[in-house]
Amino acid sequence: MTTDGKALTELCLEDWWWAAPATTASTTPATTEAGAANALPVFRQTKAWLNAYFADEHPTLDSAPPLSAQGTPFQHEVWDLITEIPYGQTVSYGAIAAELAERRGGRRMAAQAVGGAVKRNPITIIVPCHRVVGSGRSFGGYGGHLDVKAELLDLEGVDLSRFDLPH
């Protein structure tokens, strides 16, 4: 977990390729979970939201801490759409691309572009990129942790038998 002091800026598994090291020059002890010792409200809110999620209480974005992800305008469009995917449901990269194209006035959008934005989502679980899957039986990616993606979707009650999962 990382914050700017007011909003959550990153929530990820520590070994993900894009995770910010907890001791970079751009972070201070007060802006990382370990340094803050849970002193900042954003960390308490995040932990409460995650506890509710893992207790199968279906928390919504309304109960999430303030979010402030760094990204391009396109990435933010994709991440905003991802937050609309209901708990326990999945949507394909292609469907997100089609929805974005429609919202932008019909210009065609590539599913691969959506995949690139999903891959760079710095606030996992709360911005539920695990709910984005490939077309057909393709499971898609999840920062190299398909086992975690499967566990999250299973927790949400998604029927995983419809996907070709790696063994």
Protein backbone atom coordinates (compact mmCIF):
# COMPACT_ATOMS: atom_id res chain seq x y z
CA MET A 1 0.00 0.00 0.00
CA THR A 2 1.19 3.47 -0.86
CA THR A 3 -0.47 6.83 -0.36
CA ASP A 4 0.13 10.48 -1.08
CA GLY A 5 -1.07 11.18 2.45
CA LYS A 6 -4.70 11.66 1.46
CA ALA A 7 -5.55 8.96 -1.07
CA LEU A 8 -4.44 5.44 -1.88
CA THR A 9 -2.00 5.54 -4.79
CA GLU A 10 -0.98 1.87 -4.96
CA LEU A 11 -2.27 -1.46 -3.73
CA CYS A 12 -0.52 -4.52 -5.08
CA LEU A 13 1.33 -7.68 -4.28
CA GLU A 14 4.87 -6.73 -3.33
CA ASP A 15 6.54 -8.81 -6.02
CA TRP A 16 4.58 -7.42 -8.97
CA TRP A 17 6.79 -6.02 -11.68
CA TRP A 18 5.48 -2.47 -11.33
CA ALA A 19 5.25 -2.28 -7.54
CA ALA A 20 7.00 0.73 -6.07
CA PRO A 21 9.72 -0.25 -3.61
CA ALA A 22 8.74 0.76 -0.08
CA THR A 23 12.00 2.65 0.32
CA THR A 24 12.24 4.77 -2.83
CA ALA A 25 13.25 8.40 -2.64
CA SER A 26 9.74 9.41 -3.63
CA THR A 27 8.19 7.84 -0.54
CA THR A 28 8.56 8.85 3.06
CA PRO A 29 7.93 6.75 6.15
CA ALA A 30 4.48 8.35 6.45
CA THR A 31 3.41 7.35 2.95
CA THR A 32 4.03 3.61 3.06
CA GLU A 33 2.09 1.16 5.15
CA ALA A 34 5.13 -0.02 7.10
CA GLY A 35 6.24 3.51 7.94
CA ALA A 36 2.84 4.82 8.88
CA ALA A 37 2.09 2.00 11.30
CA ASN A 38 -1.52 2.41 10.24
CA ALA A 39 -1.56 6.02 11.46
CA LEU A 40 -3.04 7.45 8.29
CA PRO A 41 -6.80 7.18 7.80
CA VAL A 42 -6.32 5.99 4.20
CA PHE A 43 -4.53 2.86 5.43
CA ARG A 44 -7.23 2.14 8.01
CA GLN A 45 -9.92 2.63 5.34
CA THR A 46 -8.07 0.38 2.90
CA LYS A 47 -7.64 -2.38 5.47
CA ALA A 48 -11.32 -2.14 6.44
CA TRP A 49 -12.34 -2.37 2.77
CA LEU A 50 -10.07 -5.37 2.17
CA ASN A 51 -11.29 -7.09 5.34
CA ALA A 52 -14.86 -6.66 4.11
CA TYR A 53 -13.90 -7.96 0.66
CA PHE A 54 -12.20 -11.08 2.00
CA ALA A 55 -15.11 -11.64 4.41
CA ASP A 56 -17.33 -11.89 1.29
CA GLU A 57 -19.25 -8.74 2.24
CA HIS A 58 -19.11 -7.28 -1.32
CA PRO A 59 -17.79 -3.80 -0.46
CA THR A 60 -18.41 -1.16 -3.11
CA LEU A 61 -16.29 1.64 -4.47
CA ASP A 62 -18.38 4.01 -2.35
CA SER A 63 -16.90 2.47 0.80
CA ALA A 64 -13.34 2.43 -0.56
CA PRO A 65 -10.69 4.88 0.55
CA PRO A 66 -10.03 7.87 -1.69
CA LEU A 67 -8.06 6.72 -4.75
CA SER A 68 -5.40 8.61 -6.68
CA ALA A 69 -3.79 6.35 -9.25
CA GLN A 70 -1.09 7.72 -11.51
CA GLY A 71 -1.81 7.05 -15.16
CA THR A 72 -2.64 8.43 -18.57
CA PRO A 73 -6.11 9.73 -19.41
CA PHE A 74 -6.74 6.53 -21.40
CA GLN A 75 -5.68 4.35 -18.47
CA HIS A 76 -8.03 6.27 -16.19
CA GLU A 77 -10.90 5.71 -18.65
CA VAL A 78 -10.23 1.98 -18.57
CA TRP A 79 -9.83 1.87 -14.78
CA ASP A 80 -13.08 3.81 -14.34
CA LEU A 81 -14.87 1.24 -16.51
CA ILE A 82 -13.34 -1.61 -14.53
CA THR A 83 -14.82 -0.20 -11.32
CA GLU A 84 -18.27 -0.65 -12.90
CA ILE A 85 -17.86 -4.44 -13.21
CA PRO A 86 -20.11 -5.94 -10.52
CA TYR A 87 -18.79 -8.26 -7.84
CA GLY A 88 -18.89 -11.85 -9.06
CA GLN A 89 -18.97 -10.98 -12.77
CA THR A 90 -16.33 -10.84 -15.46
CA VAL A 91 -16.01 -8.75 -18.61
CA SER A 92 -13.69 -9.34 -21.56
CA TYR A 93 -10.99 -6.95 -22.72
CA GLY A 94 -12.90 -6.75 -26.00
CA ALA A 95 -16.15 -5.77 -24.29
CA ILE A 96 -14.37 -3.00 -22.42
CA ALA A 97 -12.81 -1.82 -25.69
CA ALA A 98 -16.24 -1.79 -27.36
CA GLU A 99 -17.77 0.17 -24.47
CA LEU A 100 -14.93 2.70 -24.56
CA ALA A 101 -15.34 3.07 -28.32
CA GLU A 102 -19.05 3.73 -27.88
CA ARG A 103 -18.45 6.28 -25.14
CA ARG A 104 -15.90 8.01 -27.35
CA GLY A 105 -18.30 8.29 -30.26
CA GLY A 106 -17.81 5.03 -32.07
CA ARG A 107 -14.11 5.03 -32.85
CA ARG A 108 -12.77 1.49 -32.88
CA MET A 109 -10.70 0.47 -29.87
CA ALA A 110 -8.28 -2.45 -29.65
CA ALA A 111 -8.67 -4.99 -26.87
CA GLN A 112 -4.87 -5.03 -26.62
CA ALA A 113 -4.84 -1.34 -25.71
CA VAL A 114 -7.32 -2.09 -22.94
CA GLY A 115 -5.11 -4.97 -21.81
CA GLY A 116 -2.15 -2.62 -21.54
CA ALA A 117 -4.12 -0.25 -19.32
CA VAL A 118 -5.49 -3.09 -17.20
CA LYS A 119 -1.95 -4.42 -16.75
CA ARG A 120 -0.87 -1.06 -15.34
CA ASN A 121 -3.68 -0.72 -12.80
CA PRO A 122 -1.83 0.25 -9.60
CA ILE A 123 -4.78 -0.28 -7.24
CA THR A 124 -5.69 -3.94 -7.53
CA ILE A 125 -8.75 -5.55 -5.98
CA ILE A 126 -10.43 -2.18 -5.27
CA VAL A 127 -10.13 -1.36 -8.99
CA PRO A 128 -11.02 -4.96 -9.85
CA CYS A 129 -8.79 -5.77 -12.81
CA HIS A 130 -9.08 -9.45 -11.82
CA ARG A 131 -12.62 -9.32 -13.26
CA VAL A 132 -11.27 -8.62 -16.76
CA VAL A 133 -10.76 -11.79 -18.78
CA GLY A 134 -9.86 -12.80 -22.29
CA SER A 135 -12.36 -13.81 -24.94
CA GLY A 136 -13.71 -17.33 -25.16
CA ARG A 137 -12.06 -19.54 -22.57
CA SER A 138 -9.01 -17.29 -22.16
CA PHE A 139 -8.36 -16.26 -18.56
CA GLY A 140 -6.21 -13.26 -19.39
CA GLY A 141 -3.38 -12.08 -17.16
CA TYR A 142 -2.92 -10.73 -13.67
CA GLY A 143 0.56 -9.39 -13.08
CA GLY A 144 2.00 -12.86 -13.39
CA HIS A 145 -0.21 -14.19 -10.62
CA LEU A 146 -2.98 -16.12 -12.34
CA ASP A 147 -3.39 -18.21 -9.19
CA VAL A 148 -4.31 -15.05 -7.26
CA LYS A 149 -6.74 -13.99 -10.01
CA ALA A 150 -8.38 -17.42 -9.82
CA GLU A 151 -8.64 -17.22 -6.03
CA LEU A 152 -10.22 -13.75 -6.15
CA LEU A 153 -12.76 -14.77 -8.78
CA ASP A 154 -13.50 -17.98 -6.91
CA LEU A 155 -14.11 -15.96 -3.73
CA GLU A 156 -16.59 -13.87 -5.72
CA GLY A 157 -18.41 -17.00 -6.90
CA VAL A 158 -17.32 -16.90 -10.55
CA ASP A 159 -17.58 -20.29 -12.29
CA LEU A 160 -13.94 -20.93 -13.18
CA SER A 161 -14.74 -24.08 -15.18
CA ARG A 162 -15.49 -21.90 -18.21
CA PHE A 163 -11.83 -20.85 -18.43
CA ASP A 164 -8.69 -22.64 -19.56
CA LEU A 165 -6.69 -22.20 -16.38
CA PRO A 166 -2.96 -22.89 -16.20
CA HIS A 167 -2.00 -25.85 -14.03
